[in-house]
Amino acid sequence: MVKRILLWGDGAANIDTGTNISKKSLCHSYSQVGDFTIDMEVTDTKGCTKKYAINIKI
């Protein structure tokens, strides 16, 4: 993985680049309760991109 973009659904984001980012742990705290959609986009060394989304309730 070369690039990872995480959108937490509350306006916060993490953008990581590099070859070892798949081993990096992530943590996020929400300031209020509600329904959120977390979007993640990853790009590999060949330039291929994959997008994922999950809905959560806090």
N, C-alpha and C. Protein backbone atom coordinates (compact mmCIF):
# COMPACT_ATOMS: atom_id res chain seq x y z
N MET A 1 0.85 -1.17 0.00
CA MET A 1 0.00 0.00 0.00
C MET A 1 0.90 1.24 0.00
N VAL A 2 0.54 2.21 -0.81
CA VAL A 2 1.32 3.43 -0.90
C VAL A 2 0.58 4.63 -0.33
N LYS A 3 -0.74 4.60 -0.41
CA LYS A 3 -1.53 5.72 0.09
C LYS A 3 -2.83 5.21 0.68
N ARG A 4 -3.21 5.78 1.82
CA ARG A 4 -4.49 5.44 2.46
C ARG A 4 -5.14 6.73 2.90
N ILE A 5 -6.40 6.90 2.51
CA ILE A 5 -7.19 8.06 2.91
C ILE A 5 -8.38 7.54 3.71
N LEU A 6 -8.53 8.05 4.92
CA LEU A 6 -9.66 7.69 5.77
C LEU A 6 -10.46 8.93 6.10
N LEU A 7 -11.73 8.91 5.75
CA LEU A 7 -12.66 9.99 6.11
C LEU A 7 -13.59 9.42 7.17
N TRP A 8 -13.58 10.01 8.34
CA TRP A 8 -14.27 9.46 9.49
C TRP A 8 -15.77 9.78 9.52
N GLY A 9 -16.27 10.60 8.62
CA GLY A 9 -17.69 10.90 8.56
C GLY A 9 -18.12 12.08 9.40
N ASP A 10 -17.19 12.65 10.16
CA ASP A 10 -17.52 13.80 10.99
C ASP A 10 -16.66 15.02 10.63
N GLY A 11 -16.04 14.97 9.46
CA GLY A 11 -15.17 16.05 9.01
C GLY A 11 -13.70 15.80 9.25
N ALA A 12 -13.37 14.81 10.06
CA ALA A 12 -11.96 14.48 10.31
C ALA A 12 -11.45 13.51 9.25
N ALA A 13 -10.15 13.55 9.01
CA ALA A 13 -9.54 12.67 8.00
C ALA A 13 -8.12 12.31 8.40
N ASN A 14 -7.68 11.15 7.91
CA ASN A 14 -6.28 10.73 8.00
C ASN A 14 -5.81 10.42 6.59
N ILE A 15 -4.66 10.97 6.20
CA ILE A 15 -4.05 10.66 4.92
C ILE A 15 -2.63 10.18 5.22
N ASP A 16 -2.36 8.93 4.85
CA ASP A 16 -1.06 8.33 5.10
C ASP A 16 -0.44 7.88 3.79
N THR A 17 0.86 8.06 3.66
CA THR A 17 1.58 7.58 2.48
C THR A 17 2.82 6.82 2.93
N GLY A 18 3.27 5.91 2.11
CA GLY A 18 4.46 5.13 2.40
C GLY A 18 4.22 3.65 2.21
N THR A 19 5.27 2.87 2.35
CA THR A 19 5.17 1.43 2.09
C THR A 19 4.74 0.62 3.31
N ASN A 20 4.84 1.16 4.52
CA ASN A 20 4.50 0.40 5.72
C ASN A 20 3.20 0.86 6.38
N ILE A 21 2.35 1.59 5.67
CA ILE A 21 1.15 2.13 6.31
C ILE A 21 0.12 1.06 6.66
N SER A 22 0.19 -0.11 6.01
CA SER A 22 -0.78 -1.16 6.35
C SER A 22 -0.56 -1.69 7.75
N LYS A 23 0.61 -1.45 8.34
CA LYS A 23 0.90 -1.90 9.70
C LYS A 23 0.59 -0.83 10.74
N LYS A 24 0.21 0.36 10.30
CA LYS A 24 -0.07 1.47 11.21
C LYS A 24 -1.49 1.37 11.76
N SER A 25 -1.62 1.43 13.08
CA SER A 25 -2.94 1.41 13.72
C SER A 25 -3.55 2.80 13.69
N LEU A 26 -4.85 2.85 13.59
CA LEU A 26 -5.57 4.12 13.59
C LEU A 26 -6.62 4.13 14.69
N CYS A 27 -6.84 5.30 15.25
CA CYS A 27 -7.84 5.47 16.29
C CYS A 27 -8.52 6.82 16.08
N HIS A 28 -9.82 6.87 16.32
CA HIS A 28 -10.55 8.13 16.17
C HIS A 28 -11.62 8.21 17.25
N SER A 29 -11.78 9.37 17.83
CA SER A 29 -12.82 9.61 18.84
C SER A 29 -13.84 10.58 18.28
N TYR A 30 -15.10 10.26 18.45
CA TYR A 30 -16.19 11.12 17.99
C TYR A 30 -16.64 12.01 19.14
N SER A 31 -16.93 13.26 18.84
CA SER A 31 -17.33 14.22 19.88
C SER A 31 -18.82 14.18 20.17
N GLN A 32 -19.58 13.48 19.35
CA GLN A 32 -21.02 13.38 19.59
C GLN A 32 -21.54 12.04 19.09
N VAL A 33 -22.71 11.65 19.54
CA VAL A 33 -23.33 10.42 19.08
C VAL A 33 -24.01 10.67 17.74
N GLY A 34 -24.22 9.60 17.01
CA GLY A 34 -24.92 9.72 15.73
C GLY A 34 -24.52 8.61 14.78
N ASP A 35 -25.00 8.71 13.56
CA ASP A 35 -24.67 7.76 12.49
C ASP A 35 -23.58 8.38 11.62
N PHE A 36 -22.56 7.60 11.32
CA PHE A 36 -21.43 8.08 10.55
C PHE A 36 -21.06 7.06 9.47
N THR A 37 -20.58 7.54 8.36
CA THR A 37 -20.04 6.68 7.31
C THR A 37 -18.54 6.90 7.25
N ILE A 38 -17.79 5.82 7.46
CA ILE A 38 -16.34 5.88 7.35
C ILE A 38 -15.98 5.43 5.93
N ASP A 39 -15.26 6.27 5.21
CA ASP A 39 -14.80 5.96 3.86
C ASP A 39 -13.29 5.78 3.87
N MET A 40 -12.83 4.72 3.21
CA MET A 40 -11.39 4.49 3.09
C MET A 40 -11.06 4.24 1.62
N GLU A 41 -9.98 4.86 1.18
CA GLU A 41 -9.47 4.63 -0.18
C GLU A 41 -8.01 4.26 -0.06
N VAL A 42 -7.63 3.15 -0.67
CA VAL A 42 -6.24 2.71 -0.65
C VAL A 42 -5.71 2.62 -2.08
N THR A 43 -4.43 2.93 -2.24
CA THR A 43 -3.76 2.85 -3.52
C THR A 43 -2.50 2.01 -3.35
N ASP A 44 -2.29 1.05 -4.27
CA ASP A 44 -1.11 0.20 -4.16
C ASP A 44 0.04 0.75 -5.00
N THR A 45 1.14 0.03 -5.01
CA THR A 45 2.36 0.48 -5.70
C THR A 45 2.19 0.53 -7.21
N LYS A 46 1.18 -0.17 -7.75
CA LYS A 46 0.93 -0.16 -9.19
C LYS A 46 -0.07 0.92 -9.60
N GLY A 47 -0.56 1.68 -8.62
CA GLY A 47 -1.52 2.75 -8.90
C GLY A 47 -2.97 2.32 -8.89
N CYS A 48 -3.22 1.07 -8.53
CA CYS A 48 -4.61 0.59 -8.45
C CYS A 48 -5.24 1.11 -7.16
N THR A 49 -6.49 1.54 -7.27
CA THR A 49 -7.20 2.14 -6.14
C THR A 49 -8.44 1.32 -5.81
N LYS A 50 -8.71 1.16 -4.53
CA LYS A 50 -9.92 0.48 -4.06
C LYS A 50 -10.56 1.34 -2.99
N LYS A 51 -11.89 1.44 -3.02
CA LYS A 51 -12.63 2.23 -2.04
C LYS A 51 -13.52 1.32 -1.21
N TYR A 52 -13.61 1.63 0.07
CA TYR A 52 -14.45 0.89 1.02
C TYR A 52 -15.27 1.90 1.82
N ALA A 53 -16.44 1.48 2.29
CA ALA A 53 -17.26 2.34 3.15
C ALA A 53 -17.98 1.45 4.16
N ILE A 54 -18.14 1.98 5.36
CA ILE A 54 -18.89 1.28 6.40
C ILE A 54 -19.68 2.31 7.20
N ASN A 55 -20.90 1.95 7.55
CA ASN A 55 -21.74 2.82 8.37
C ASN A 55 -21.65 2.36 9.82
N ILE A 56 -21.51 3.32 10.73
CA ILE A 56 -21.46 2.99 12.15
C ILE A 56 -22.42 3.89 12.92
N LYS A 57 -22.81 3.44 14.09
CA LYS A 57 -23.65 4.22 14.97
C LYS A 57 -22.93 4.36 16.30
N ILE A 58 -22.76 5.60 16.77
CA ILE A 58 -22.07 5.88 18.02
C ILE A 58 -23.11 6.25 19.07
